[in-house]
C-alpha atoms as a PDB file:
ATOM      1  CA  MET A   1     -37.124  23.280 -20.542  1.00  0.00           C
ATOM      2  CA  ASN A   2     -34.515  25.087 -18.968  1.00  0.00           C
ATOM      3  CA  ASN A   3     -31.382  23.720 -20.325  1.00  0.00           C
ATOM      4  CA  THR A   4     -28.712  24.265 -17.991  1.00  0.00           C
ATOM      5  CA  PHE A   5     -26.675  21.544 -16.988  1.00  0.00           C
ATOM      6  CA  GLU A   6     -28.595  21.404 -13.376  1.00  0.00           C
ATOM      7  CA  ALA A   7     -31.720  21.416 -15.219  1.00  0.00           C
ATOM      8  CA  VAL A   8     -31.068  18.608 -17.198  1.00  0.00           C
ATOM      9  CA  ALA A   9     -28.824  16.785 -14.698  1.00  0.00           C
ATOM     10  CA  ARG A  10     -32.252  16.821 -11.942  1.00  0.00           C
ATOM     11  CA  LYS A  11     -34.475  15.581 -14.849  1.00  0.00           C
ATOM     12  CA  TRP A  12     -32.151  12.794 -15.440  1.00  0.00           C
ATOM     13  CA  HIS A  13     -31.661  12.303 -11.660  1.00  0.00           C
ATOM     14  CA  ALA A  14     -35.364  11.668 -11.478  1.00  0.00           C
ATOM     15  CA  ASP A  15     -36.154   9.633 -14.538  1.00  0.00           C
ATOM     16  CA  GLN A  16     -33.373   7.436 -13.284  1.00  0.00           C
ATOM     17  CA  ALA A  17     -34.407   7.130  -9.713  1.00  0.00           C
ATOM     18  CA  ALA A  18     -38.206   6.748 -11.068  1.00  0.00           C
ATOM     19  CA  LYS A  19     -36.968   3.163 -12.562  1.00  0.00           C
ATOM     20  CA  PRO A  20     -37.335   0.906  -9.548  1.00  0.00           C
ATOM     21  CA  ASP A  21     -34.931  -1.887 -11.678  1.00  0.00           C
ATOM     22  CA  LYS A  22     -32.580   0.710 -11.878  1.00  0.00           C
ATOM     23  CA  TRP A  23     -31.218   2.625  -8.679  1.00  0.00           C
ATOM     24  CA  LYS A  24     -31.817   2.009  -5.146  1.00  0.00           C
ATOM     25  CA  PRO A  25     -32.664   5.031  -2.962  1.00  0.00           C
ATOM     26  CA  ASP A  26     -29.193   4.692  -1.221  1.00  0.00           C
ATOM     27  CA  HIS A  27     -27.552   5.090  -4.794  1.00  0.00           C
ATOM     28  CA  ALA A  28     -29.960   7.694  -6.270  1.00  0.00           C
ATOM     29  CA  GLY A  29     -28.702   9.597  -2.310  1.00  0.00           C
ATOM     30  CA  ARG A  30     -25.441   9.108  -3.556  1.00  0.00           C
ATOM     31  CA  VAL A  31     -25.504  10.194  -7.372  1.00  0.00           C
ATOM     32  CA  ILE A  32     -27.297  13.569  -5.790  1.00  0.00           C
ATOM     33  CA  ARG A  33     -24.667  14.279  -3.598  1.00  0.00           C
ATOM     34  CA  SER A  34     -22.079  13.773  -6.349  1.00  0.00           C
ATOM     35  CA  LEU A  35     -23.766  16.073  -8.558  1.00  0.00           C
ATOM     36  CA  GLU A  36     -24.001  19.029  -5.698  1.00  0.00           C
ATOM     37  CA  LEU A  37     -20.530  18.814  -4.487  1.00  0.00           C
ATOM     38  CA  HIS A  38     -18.138  18.456  -7.361  1.00  0.00           C
ATOM     39  CA  ILE A  39     -20.361  18.778 -10.569  1.00  0.00           C
ATOM     40  CA  PHE A  40     -23.181  21.795 -10.209  1.00  0.00           C
ATOM     41  CA  PRO A  41     -20.537  24.422  -8.619  1.00  0.00           C
ATOM     42  CA  ASP A  42     -18.385  24.398 -12.265  1.00  0.00           C
ATOM     43  CA  LEU A  43     -21.709  23.734 -14.574  1.00  0.00           C
ATOM     44  CA  ALA A  44     -24.949  24.033 -12.665  1.00  0.00           C
ATOM     45  CA  ARG A  45     -25.905  27.416 -14.486  1.00  0.00           C
ATOM     46  CA  ARG A  46     -23.890  27.051 -17.651  1.00  0.00           C
ATOM     47  CA  GLN A  47     -26.284  25.617 -21.186  1.00  0.00           C
ATOM     48  CA  ILE A  48     -26.008  21.694 -21.103  1.00  0.00           C
ATOM     49  CA  GLY A  49     -25.158  22.404 -25.386  1.00  0.00           C
ATOM     50  CA  GLU A  50     -22.259  24.972 -25.201  1.00  0.00           C
ATOM     51  CA  ILE A  51     -19.859  22.985 -22.515  1.00  0.00           C
ATOM     52  CA  MET A  52     -16.793  21.896 -24.102  1.00  0.00           C
ATOM     53  CA  PRO A  53     -14.591  18.798 -23.567  1.00  0.00           C
ATOM     54  CA  LEU A  54     -11.829  21.014 -21.083  1.00  0.00           C
ATOM     55  CA  GLU A  55     -14.497  22.611 -18.589  1.00  0.00           C
ATOM     56  CA  VAL A  56     -15.089  18.659 -17.717  1.00  0.00           C
ATOM     57  CA  LEU A  57     -11.508  18.037 -17.575  1.00  0.00           C
ATOM     58  CA  GLY A  58     -11.021  20.605 -15.838  1.00  0.00           C
ATOM     59  CA  LEU A  59     -13.133  19.761 -12.573  1.00  0.00           C
ATOM     60  CA  LEU A  60     -12.321  16.310 -13.136  1.00  0.00           C
ATOM     61  CA  GLN A  61      -8.309  17.128 -13.027  1.00  0.00           C
ATOM     62  CA  ARG A  62      -8.846  19.287  -9.505  1.00  0.00           C
ATOM     63  CA  LEU A  63     -10.265  16.019  -8.014  1.00  0.00           C
ATOM     64  CA  GLU A  64      -7.612  14.179  -8.942  1.00  0.00           C
ATOM     65  CA  ALA A  65      -5.000  16.606  -8.047  1.00  0.00           C
ATOM     66  CA  ALA A  66      -6.564  16.283  -4.389  1.00  0.00           C
ATOM     67  CA  GLY A  67      -5.959  12.436  -4.031  1.00  0.00           C
ATOM     68  CA  LYS A  68      -9.380  11.981  -4.813  1.00  0.00           C
ATOM     69  CA  HIS A  69      -9.050   9.736  -7.862  1.00  0.00           C
ATOM     70  CA  ASP A  70     -11.528   6.748  -7.266  1.00  0.00           C
ATOM     71  CA  THR A  71     -13.996  10.301  -7.086  1.00  0.00           C
ATOM     72  CA  ALA A  72     -13.113  11.560 -10.166  1.00  0.00           C
ATOM     73  CA  HIS A  73     -13.895   8.645 -12.178  1.00  0.00           C
ATOM     74  CA  LYS A  74     -17.325   8.117 -10.389  1.00  0.00           C
ATOM     75  CA  VAL A  75     -18.409  12.207 -11.157  1.00  0.00           C
ATOM     76  CA  TYR A  76     -16.956  11.270 -14.640  1.00  0.00           C
ATOM     77  CA  ASP A  77     -19.219   8.209 -14.875  1.00  0.00           C
ATOM     78  CA  VAL A  78     -22.272  10.887 -13.985  1.00  0.00           C
ATOM     79  CA  VAL A  79     -21.523  13.346 -16.120  1.00  0.00           C
ATOM     80  CA  ASN A  80     -21.336  10.917 -18.944  1.00  0.00           C
ATOM     81  CA  GLN A  81     -24.534   9.517 -18.345  1.00  0.00           C
ATOM     82  CA  VAL A  82     -25.846  13.224 -18.103  1.00  0.00           C
ATOM     83  CA  PHE A  83     -24.637  14.292 -21.463  1.00  0.00           C
ATOM     84  CA  ARG A  84     -25.692  10.963 -22.960  1.00  0.00           C
ATOM     85  CA  TYR A  85     -29.246  11.300 -21.662  1.00  0.00           C
ATOM     86  CA  ALA A  86     -28.951  15.358 -22.664  1.00  0.00           C
ATOM     87  CA  VAL A  87     -28.037  13.832 -26.472  1.00  0.00           C
ATOM     88  CA  MET A  88     -30.469  11.392 -26.922  1.00  0.00           C
ATOM     89  CA  LEU A  89     -33.460  14.907 -25.922  1.00  0.00           C
ATOM     90  CA  ARG A  90     -31.334  16.729 -28.775  1.00  0.00           C
ATOM     91  CA  LEU A  91     -30.540  19.066 -25.720  1.00  0.00           C
ATOM     92  CA  CYS A  92     -26.931  19.194 -27.006  1.00  0.00           C
ATOM     93  CA  ILE A  93     -25.057  17.548 -30.169  1.00  0.00           C
ATOM     94  CA  PHE A  94     -22.545  15.801 -29.002  1.00  0.00           C
ATOM     95  CA  ASN A  95     -21.049  14.489 -25.647  1.00  0.00           C
ATOM     96  CA  PRO A  96     -18.062  15.938 -24.357  1.00  0.00           C
ATOM     97  CA  ALA A  97     -17.214  13.836 -21.330  1.00  0.00           C
ATOM     98  CA  ALA A  98     -17.125  11.055 -24.777  1.00  0.00           C
ATOM     99  CA  GLU A  99     -13.660  12.736 -25.408  1.00  0.00           C
ATOM    100  CA  LEU A 100     -12.320  12.312 -22.468  1.00  0.00           C
ATOM    101  CA  ARG A 101     -12.473   8.755 -22.174  1.00  0.00           C
ATOM    102  CA  GLY A 102      -9.124   7.374 -21.008  1.00  0.00           C
ATOM    103  CA  GLU A 103      -7.880  10.639 -19.846  1.00  0.00           C
ATOM    104  CA  LEU A 104      -7.889   9.997 -15.845  1.00  0.00           C
ATOM    105  CA  ALA A 105      -5.639   7.805 -14.387  1.00  0.00           C
ATOM    106  CA  GLN A 106      -6.446   4.420 -13.379  1.00  0.00           C
ATOM    107  CA  VAL A 107      -7.759   3.469 -10.187  1.00  0.00           C
ATOM    108  CA  GLU A 108      -5.556   0.317  -8.794  1.00  0.00           C
ATOM    109  CA  GLN A 109      -9.180  -2.374  -8.043  1.00  0.00           C
ATOM    110  CA  LYS A 110      -9.795  -2.291  -4.293  1.00  0.00           C
ATOM    111  CA  HIS A 111      -8.843  -5.163  -2.080  1.00  0.00           C
ATOM    112  CA  TYR A 112     -10.614  -5.230   1.148  1.00  0.00           C
ATOM    113  CA  ARG A 113      -8.510  -6.698   3.969  1.00  0.00           C
ATOM    114  CA  THR A 114      -8.964  -9.979   5.226  1.00  0.00           C
ATOM    115  CA  ILE A 115      -7.925 -12.657   7.326  1.00  0.00           C
ATOM    116  CA  THR A 116      -7.291 -16.267   5.897  1.00  0.00           C
ATOM    117  CA  ASP A 117      -4.972 -18.305   8.397  1.00  0.00           C
ATOM    118  CA  PRO A 118      -6.949 -20.395  10.064  1.00  0.00           C
ATOM    119  CA  GLU A 119      -5.004 -19.650  12.902  1.00  0.00           C
ATOM    120  CA  LYS A 120      -4.927 -16.237  12.703  1.00  0.00           C
ATOM    121  CA  ILE A 121      -8.911 -16.170  12.104  1.00  0.00           C
ATOM    122  CA  GLY A 122      -9.490 -18.211  15.422  1.00  0.00           C
ATOM    123  CA  VAL A 123      -7.539 -15.344  17.587  1.00  0.00           C
ATOM    124  CA  LEU A 124      -9.938 -12.729  15.749  1.00  0.00           C
ATOM    125  CA  LEU A 125     -12.601 -14.706  16.856  1.00  0.00           C
ATOM    126  CA  ARG A 126     -11.467 -15.154  20.460  1.00  0.00           C
ATOM    127  CA  ALA A 127     -10.999 -11.049  20.299  1.00  0.00           C
ATOM    128  CA  LEU A 128     -14.491 -10.421  18.763  1.00  0.00           C
ATOM    129  CA  ASP A 129     -16.004 -12.463  21.814  1.00  0.00           C
ATOM    130  CA  GLY A 130     -13.716  -9.861  24.405  1.00  0.00           C
ATOM    131  CA  TYR A 131     -14.705  -6.692  23.190  1.00  0.00           C
ATOM    132  CA  THR A 132     -16.049  -4.719  25.727  1.00  0.00           C
ATOM    133  CA  GLY A 133     -18.406  -1.368  23.838  1.00  0.00           C
ATOM    134  CA  SER A 134     -21.993  -1.578  23.281  1.00  0.00           C
ATOM    135  CA  PRO A 135     -23.379  -5.091  23.142  1.00  0.00           C
ATOM    136  CA  GLN A 136     -25.395  -4.211  19.548  1.00  0.00           C
ATOM    137  CA  THR A 137     -21.479  -3.840  18.223  1.00  0.00           C
ATOM    138  CA  ARG A 138     -20.217  -6.693  19.733  1.00  0.00           C
ATOM    139  CA  ALA A 139     -23.103  -9.042  18.700  1.00  0.00           C
ATOM    140  CA  LEU A 140     -22.715  -7.188  14.952  1.00  0.00           C
ATOM    141  CA  LEU A 141     -18.616  -7.773  14.890  1.00  0.00           C
ATOM    142  CA  GLN A 142     -19.389 -11.453  16.470  1.00  0.00           C
ATOM    143  CA  LEU A 143     -22.275 -12.251  13.428  1.00  0.00           C
ATOM    144  CA  SER A 144     -20.613 -10.964  10.639  1.00  0.00           C
ATOM    145  CA  PRO A 145     -17.852 -14.383  10.327  1.00  0.00           C
ATOM    146  CA  TYR A 146     -20.920 -16.750  10.589  1.00  0.00           C
ATOM    147  CA  VAL A 147     -22.960 -14.596   8.047  1.00  0.00           C
ATOM    148  CA  PHE A 148     -20.423 -13.078   5.817  1.00  0.00           C
ATOM    149  CA  ALA A 149     -23.641 -10.690   4.219  1.00  0.00           C
ATOM    150  CA  ARG A 150     -22.268  -7.273   2.990  1.00  0.00           C
ATOM    151  CA  PRO A 151     -21.894  -5.200   6.264  1.00  0.00           C
ATOM    152  CA  SER A 152     -24.714  -2.473   4.932  1.00  0.00           C
ATOM    153  CA  GLU A 153     -27.225  -5.788   5.019  1.00  0.00           C
ATOM    154  CA  LEU A 154     -26.381  -7.239   8.370  1.00  0.00           C
ATOM    155  CA  ARG A 155     -26.166  -3.604   9.600  1.00  0.00           C
ATOM    156  CA  LEU A 156     -29.445  -2.802   8.800  1.00  0.00           C
ATOM    157  CA  LEU A 157     -31.260  -6.258   9.592  1.00  0.00           C
ATOM    158  CA  ARG A 158     -34.637  -5.482  11.103  1.00  0.00           C
ATOM    159  CA  TRP A 159     -36.054  -8.458  13.922  1.00  0.00           C
ATOM    160  CA  CYS A 160     -39.401  -9.061  11.282  1.00  0.00           C
ATOM    161  CA  GLU A 161     -37.058  -9.969   8.549  1.00  0.00           C
ATOM    162  CA  ILE A 162     -35.737 -12.956  10.720  1.00  0.00           C
ATOM    163  CA  ASP A 163     -37.494 -16.263  10.671  1.00  0.00           C
ATOM    164  CA  TRP A 164     -36.832 -17.713  14.109  1.00  0.00           C
ATOM    165  CA  GLU A 165     -38.693 -21.442  13.117  1.00  0.00           C
ATOM    166  CA  ALA A 166     -36.642 -21.981   9.983  1.00  0.00           C
ATOM    167  CA  ARG A 167     -33.498 -19.940  10.848  1.00  0.00           C
ATOM    168  CA  GLN A 168     -32.999 -17.491   8.150  1.00  0.00           C
ATOM    169  CA  TYR A 169     -33.782 -13.945   7.457  1.00  0.00           C
ATOM    170  CA  ARG A 170     -35.131 -12.213   4.482  1.00  0.00           C
ATOM    171  CA  LYS A 171     -33.964  -9.378   2.659  1.00  0.00           C
ATOM    172  CA  ASP A 172     -35.974  -7.654   0.174  1.00  0.00           C
ATOM    173  CA  GLY A 173     -34.669  -6.479  -3.474  1.00  0.00           C
ATOM    174  CA  GLU A 174     -34.660  -2.330  -2.949  1.00  0.00           C
ATOM    175  CA  GLU A 175     -31.873  -3.085   0.226  1.00  0.00           C
ATOM    176  CA  MET A 176     -29.934  -5.276  -1.928  1.00  0.00           C
ATOM    177  CA  LYS A 177     -26.959  -4.288  -4.094  1.00  0.00           C
ATOM    178  CA  ASN A 178     -27.831  -6.263  -7.115  1.00  0.00           C
ATOM    179  CA  GLY A 179     -31.898  -5.423  -6.592  1.00  0.00           C
ATOM    180  CA  ILE A 180     -32.930  -8.985  -5.574  1.00  0.00           C
ATOM    181  CA  GLY A 181     -34.635 -10.688  -2.981  1.00  0.00           C
ATOM    182  CA  HIS A 182     -32.030 -12.720  -0.949  1.00  0.00           C
ATOM    183  CA  ILE A 183     -32.510 -15.307   1.731  1.00  0.00           C
ATOM    184  CA  VAL A 184     -29.701 -16.086   4.555  1.00  0.00           C
ATOM    185  CA  PRO A 185     -29.753 -19.399   6.065  1.00  0.00           C
ATOM    186  CA  LEU A 186     -28.089 -18.729   9.452  1.00  0.00           C
ATOM    187  CA  SER A 187     -26.607 -21.315  11.703  1.00  0.00           C
ATOM    188  CA  ARG A 188     -27.253 -22.050  15.582  1.00  0.00           C
ATOM    189  CA  GLN A 189     -24.744 -19.965  16.433  1.00  0.00           C
ATOM    190  CA  ALA A 190     -25.633 -17.186  14.991  1.00  0.00           C
ATOM    191  CA  ILE A 191     -29.402 -17.707  16.077  1.00  0.00           C
ATOM    192  CA  ALA A 192     -27.842 -17.918  19.538  1.00  0.00           C
ATOM    193  CA  ILE A 193     -26.244 -14.768  18.799  1.00  0.00           C
ATOM    194  CA  LEU A 194     -29.403 -12.845  17.861  1.00  0.00           C
ATOM    195  CA  GLU A 195     -30.878 -14.372  20.712  1.00  0.00           C
ATOM    196  CA  GLY A 196     -28.765 -12.683  22.995  1.00  0.00           C
ATOM    197  CA  LEU A 197     -29.282  -9.439  21.433  1.00  0.00           C
ATOM    198  CA  LYS A 198     -32.914  -9.482  22.197  1.00  0.00           C
ATOM    199  CA  PRO A 199     -33.201  -8.061  25.444  1.00  0.00           C
ATOM    200  CA  VAL A 200     -31.419  -5.240  24.605  1.00  0.00           C
ATOM    201  CA  THR A 201     -32.742  -4.312  20.778  1.00  0.00           C
ATOM    202  CA  GLY A 202     -35.930  -6.738  20.476  1.00  0.00           C
ATOM    203  CA  HIS A 203     -38.241  -3.406  21.049  1.00  0.00           C
ATOM    204  CA  HIS A 204     -36.679  -1.676  18.506  1.00  0.00           C
ATOM    205  CA  GLU A 205     -37.199  -2.314  14.646  1.00  0.00           C
ATOM    206  CA  PHE A 206     -33.411  -2.618  13.828  1.00  0.00           C
ATOM    207  CA  VAL A 207     -31.465  -5.430  15.811  1.00  0.00           C
ATOM    208  CA  PHE A 208     -28.778  -3.326  15.699  1.00  0.00           C
ATOM    209  CA  ALA A 209     -30.014  -0.144  17.151  1.00  0.00           C
ATOM    210  CA  ASN A 210     -28.820   2.540  19.263  1.00  0.00           C
ATOM    211  CA  ILE A 211     -30.657   2.719  22.307  1.00  0.00           C
ATOM    212  CA  GLY A 212     -30.820   6.066  22.245  1.00  0.00           C
ATOM    213  CA  SER A 213     -32.036   7.248  18.431  1.00  0.00           C
ATOM    214  CA  LYS A 214     -33.343   3.518  17.381  1.00  0.00           C
ATOM    215  CA  LYS A 215     -31.615   4.004  14.493  1.00  0.00           C
ATOM    216  CA  PRO A 216     -28.784   1.363  13.166  1.00  0.00           C
ATOM    217  CA  LEU A 217     -25.472   1.701  14.254  1.00  0.00           C
ATOM    218  CA  SER A 218     -23.713   3.965  11.888  1.00  0.00           C
ATOM    219  CA  GLU A 219     -21.769   2.736   9.097  1.00  0.00           C
ATOM    220  CA  GLY A 220     -18.617   3.006  10.522  1.00  0.00           C
ATOM    221  CA  ALA A 221     -19.264   1.590  13.836  1.00  0.00           C
ATOM    222  CA  ALA A 222     -17.972  -2.093  13.084  1.00  0.00           C
ATOM    223  CA  ARG A 223     -14.453  -0.229  11.589  1.00  0.00           C
ATOM    224  CA  LYS A 224     -14.491   1.433  14.743  1.00  0.00           C
ATOM    225  CA  ALA A 225     -14.526  -1.556  16.745  1.00  0.00           C
ATOM    226  CA  LEU A 226     -11.908  -3.300  14.606  1.00  0.00           C
ATOM    227  CA  ALA A 227      -9.869  -0.910  15.197  1.00  0.00           C
ATOM    228  CA  ARG A 228     -10.191  -0.494  18.729  1.00  0.00           C
ATOM    229  CA  LEU A 229      -9.355  -4.437  18.825  1.00  0.00           C
ATOM    230  CA  GLY A 230      -5.970  -3.680  16.990  1.00  0.00           C
ATOM    231  CA  PHE A 231      -7.792  -5.508  13.576  1.00  0.00           C
ATOM    232  CA  LEU A 232      -8.612  -2.798  11.267  1.00  0.00           C
ATOM    233  CA  ASP A 233      -5.026  -3.029   9.364  1.00  0.00           C
ATOM    234  CA  GLN A 234      -5.574  -7.015   9.032  1.00  0.00           C
ATOM    235  CA  ILE A 235      -9.466  -6.443   8.168  1.00  0.00           C
ATOM    236  CA  THR A 236     -11.988  -4.735   6.859  1.00  0.00           C
ATOM    237  CA  PRO A 237     -16.066  -5.439   8.138  1.00  0.00           C
ATOM    238  CA  HIS A 238     -16.166  -6.770   4.186  1.00  0.00           C
ATOM    239  CA  GLY A 239     -13.244  -8.640   4.695  1.00  0.00           C
ATOM    240  CA  PHE A 240     -15.373 -11.000   6.096  1.00  0.00           C
ATOM    241  CA  ARG A 241     -17.046 -11.920   3.194  1.00  0.00           C
ATOM    242  CA  HIS A 242     -13.832 -12.777   1.878  1.00  0.00           C
ATOM    243  CA  MET A 243     -12.466 -14.777   4.522  1.00  0.00           C
ATOM    244  CA  ALA A 244     -15.565 -16.929   4.198  1.00  0.00           C
ATOM    245  CA  SER A 245     -15.197 -17.337   0.493  1.00  0.00           C
ATOM    246  CA  THR A 246     -12.065 -17.728   0.524  1.00  0.00           C
ATOM    247  CA  ARG A 247     -12.103 -20.496   3.053  1.00  0.00           C
ATOM    248  CA  LEU A 248     -15.033 -22.419   1.696  1.00  0.00           C
ATOM    249  CA  ASN A 249     -13.548 -22.669  -1.506  1.00  0.00           C
ATOM    250  CA  GLU A 250     -10.808 -23.950   0.326  1.00  0.00           C
ATOM    251  CA  MET A 251     -12.591 -26.380   1.980  1.00  0.00           C
ATOM    252  CA  GLY A 252     -14.105 -28.183  -1.338  1.00  0.00           C
ATOM    253  CA  PHE A 253     -17.896 -26.406  -1.342  1.00  0.00           C
ATOM    254  CA  ASN A 254     -19.445 -25.510  -4.281  1.00  0.00           C
ATOM    255  CA  SER A 255     -18.897 -22.358  -5.762  1.00  0.00           C
ATOM    256  CA  ASP A 256     -22.716 -22.258  -6.803  1.00  0.00           C
ATOM    257  CA  TRP A 257     -23.775 -22.138  -2.953  1.00  0.00           C
ATOM    258  CA  ILE A 258     -21.145 -19.967  -1.902  1.00  0.00           C
ATOM    259  CA  GLU A 259     -21.834 -17.369  -4.579  1.00  0.00           C
ATOM    260  CA  ARG A 260     -25.753 -17.856  -3.726  1.00  0.00           C
ATOM    261  CA  GLN A 261     -24.912 -17.044   0.109  1.00  0.00           C
ATOM    262  CA  LEU A 262     -22.895 -14.025  -1.063  1.00  0.00           C
ATOM    263  CA  ALA A 263     -25.960 -12.769  -3.098  1.00  0.00           C
ATOM    264  CA  HIS A 264     -23.325 -11.944  -5.892  1.00  0.00           C
ATOM    265  CA  LYS A 265     -25.493 -11.150  -8.780  1.00  0.00           C
ATOM    266  CA  ASP A 266     -26.085 -13.523 -11.747  1.00  0.00           C
ATOM    267  CA  PRO A 267     -25.543 -13.194 -15.141  1.00  0.00           C
ATOM    268  CA  ASN A 268     -28.054 -14.825 -16.552  1.00  0.00           C
ATOM    269  CA  ALA A 269     -30.196 -12.571 -15.659  1.00  0.00           C
ATOM    270  CA  THR A 270     -33.573 -14.633 -16.195  1.00  0.00           C
ATOM    271  CA  ARG A 271     -32.053 -16.793 -13.705  1.00  0.00           C
ATOM    272  CA  THR A 272     -31.309 -14.187 -11.148  1.00  0.00           C
ATOM    273  CA  ALA A 273     -34.887 -13.329 -11.119  1.00  0.00           C
ATOM    274  CA  TYR A 274     -36.383 -16.276  -9.186  1.00  0.00           C
ATOM    275  CA  ASN A 275     -32.496 -17.444  -7.438  1.00  0.00           C
ATOM    276  CA  HIS A 276     -33.574 -15.889  -3.904  1.00  0.00           C
ATOM    277  CA  ALA A 277     -34.023 -19.061  -2.748  1.00  0.00           C
ATOM    278  CA  GLU A 278     -31.667 -20.951  -5.031  1.00  0.00           C
ATOM    279  CA  TYR A 279     -30.096 -23.932  -3.313  1.00  0.00           C
ATOM    280  CA  LEU A 280     -30.962 -23.577   0.525  1.00  0.00           C
ATOM    281  CA  GLU A 281     -30.864 -26.566   1.728  1.00  0.00           C
ATOM    282  CA  GLN A 282     -27.444 -26.675   0.834  1.00  0.00           C
ATOM    283  CA  ARG A 283     -26.428 -23.585   1.854  1.00  0.00           C
ATOM    284  CA  ALA A 284     -28.058 -23.978   5.047  1.00  0.00           C
ATOM    285  CA  GLU A 285     -25.621 -27.265   5.750  1.00  0.00           C
ATOM    286  CA  MET A 286     -22.877 -25.060   4.257  1.00  0.00           C
ATOM    287  CA  VAL A 287     -23.268 -22.066   7.426  1.00  0.00           C
ATOM    288  CA  GLN A 288     -23.622 -24.872   9.772  1.00  0.00           C
ATOM    289  CA  ALA A 289     -20.730 -26.449   8.779  1.00  0.00           C
ATOM    290  CA  TRP A 290     -19.018 -22.755   8.190  1.00  0.00           C
ATOM    291  CA  ALA A 291     -20.054 -21.928  11.906  1.00  0.00           C
ATOM    292  CA  ASP A 292     -18.631 -25.199  13.599  1.00  0.00           C
ATOM    293  CA  TYR A 293     -15.248 -25.123  11.804  1.00  0.00           C
ATOM    294  CA  LEU A 294     -14.965 -21.173  12.879  1.00  0.00           C
ATOM    295  CA  ASP A 295     -15.458 -22.684  16.803  1.00  0.00           C
ATOM    296  CA  GLY A 296     -13.472 -25.171  16.266  1.00  0.00           C
ATOM    297  CA  LEU A 297     -10.609 -22.489  15.190  1.00  0.00           C
ATOM    298  CA  LYS A 298     -11.823 -20.341  18.043  1.00  0.00           C
ATOM    299  CA  ALA A 299     -11.193 -22.885  20.769  1.00  0.00           C
ATOM    300  CA  GLN A 300      -7.886 -24.085  19.307  1.00  0.00           C
ATOM    301  CA  SER A 301      -7.206 -20.496  19.629  1.00  0.00           C
ATOM    302  CA  GLY A 302      -7.605 -20.828  23.478  1.00  0.00           C
ATOM    303  CA  ILE A 303      -5.983 -23.855  23.936  1.00  0.00           C
ATOM    304  CA  LEU A 304      -2.913 -22.114  22.767  1.00  0.00           C
ATOM    305  CA  GLN A 305      -3.383 -19.403  24.048  1.00  0.00           C
ATOM    306  CA  GLN A 306      -3.228 -21.177  27.382  1.00  0.00           C
ATOM    307  CA  THR A 307      -0.636 -23.523  26.910  1.00  0.00           C
ATOM    308  CA  GLY A 308       1.699 -20.530  25.161  1.00  0.00           C
ATOM    309  CA  GLY A 309       2.503 -22.263  21.962  1.00  0.00           C
END
């Protein structure tokens, strides 16, 4: 076996990507891009057993100097895993990345911008209804607060995943962040939005398809639309999840229902394997109550706007 860092790293990557319970395809893609963009330029041709901690620290510090602190931490994690793999295969006698633990500046936890004030939520919902861009983007924006799924999960929704009679959609595990299949009950309002989009993209695979390319809307489409509406400084596409979670908890809904609707991973691994339909009836009632609540906020916002209140 060629024992250069690149050869070992690619072997490690292939081994991890081949395990369906380890990595999803999009994560595998991000890891290989990180290797090729940030790590291989420095370490690719070096024999893995000869690489010293200072060499690894140098490439990490360059990322930090460029203000890419989050990237530096992710790169460190990848390098560390490659060296752990190499040590396991006895291709090197120690892990130089392990010597650098604690050397990187701490990254503040990411907090997604969101709106939780009821009056401001109503204003936002009216703005989403008034979006004048493509009907696909408008529908994506309108559906986001009702469904509060992960942005990528919703953006990549396929028509074949929707069960109209049961009023729900189903996602396979490989498309979910936690690797577990997920059933999402839909409110009457969410179904109406989807039915309204059917004449536009119903003949395509993806619900939110670009008409020209037939591919789903870009990852940045919702962000650009929120910016165009003047709300991106207040809420991100991911912020709809935090909006729903915060308000539903404050409204007294069972936290287990909320967590399952958000598809958060259950720390109980055995339970997680079977939880895709857990609390389904209760969640269906919850999302309908939530949708009705949102409509009430939107209607109240309209009244206040008309009366100048």
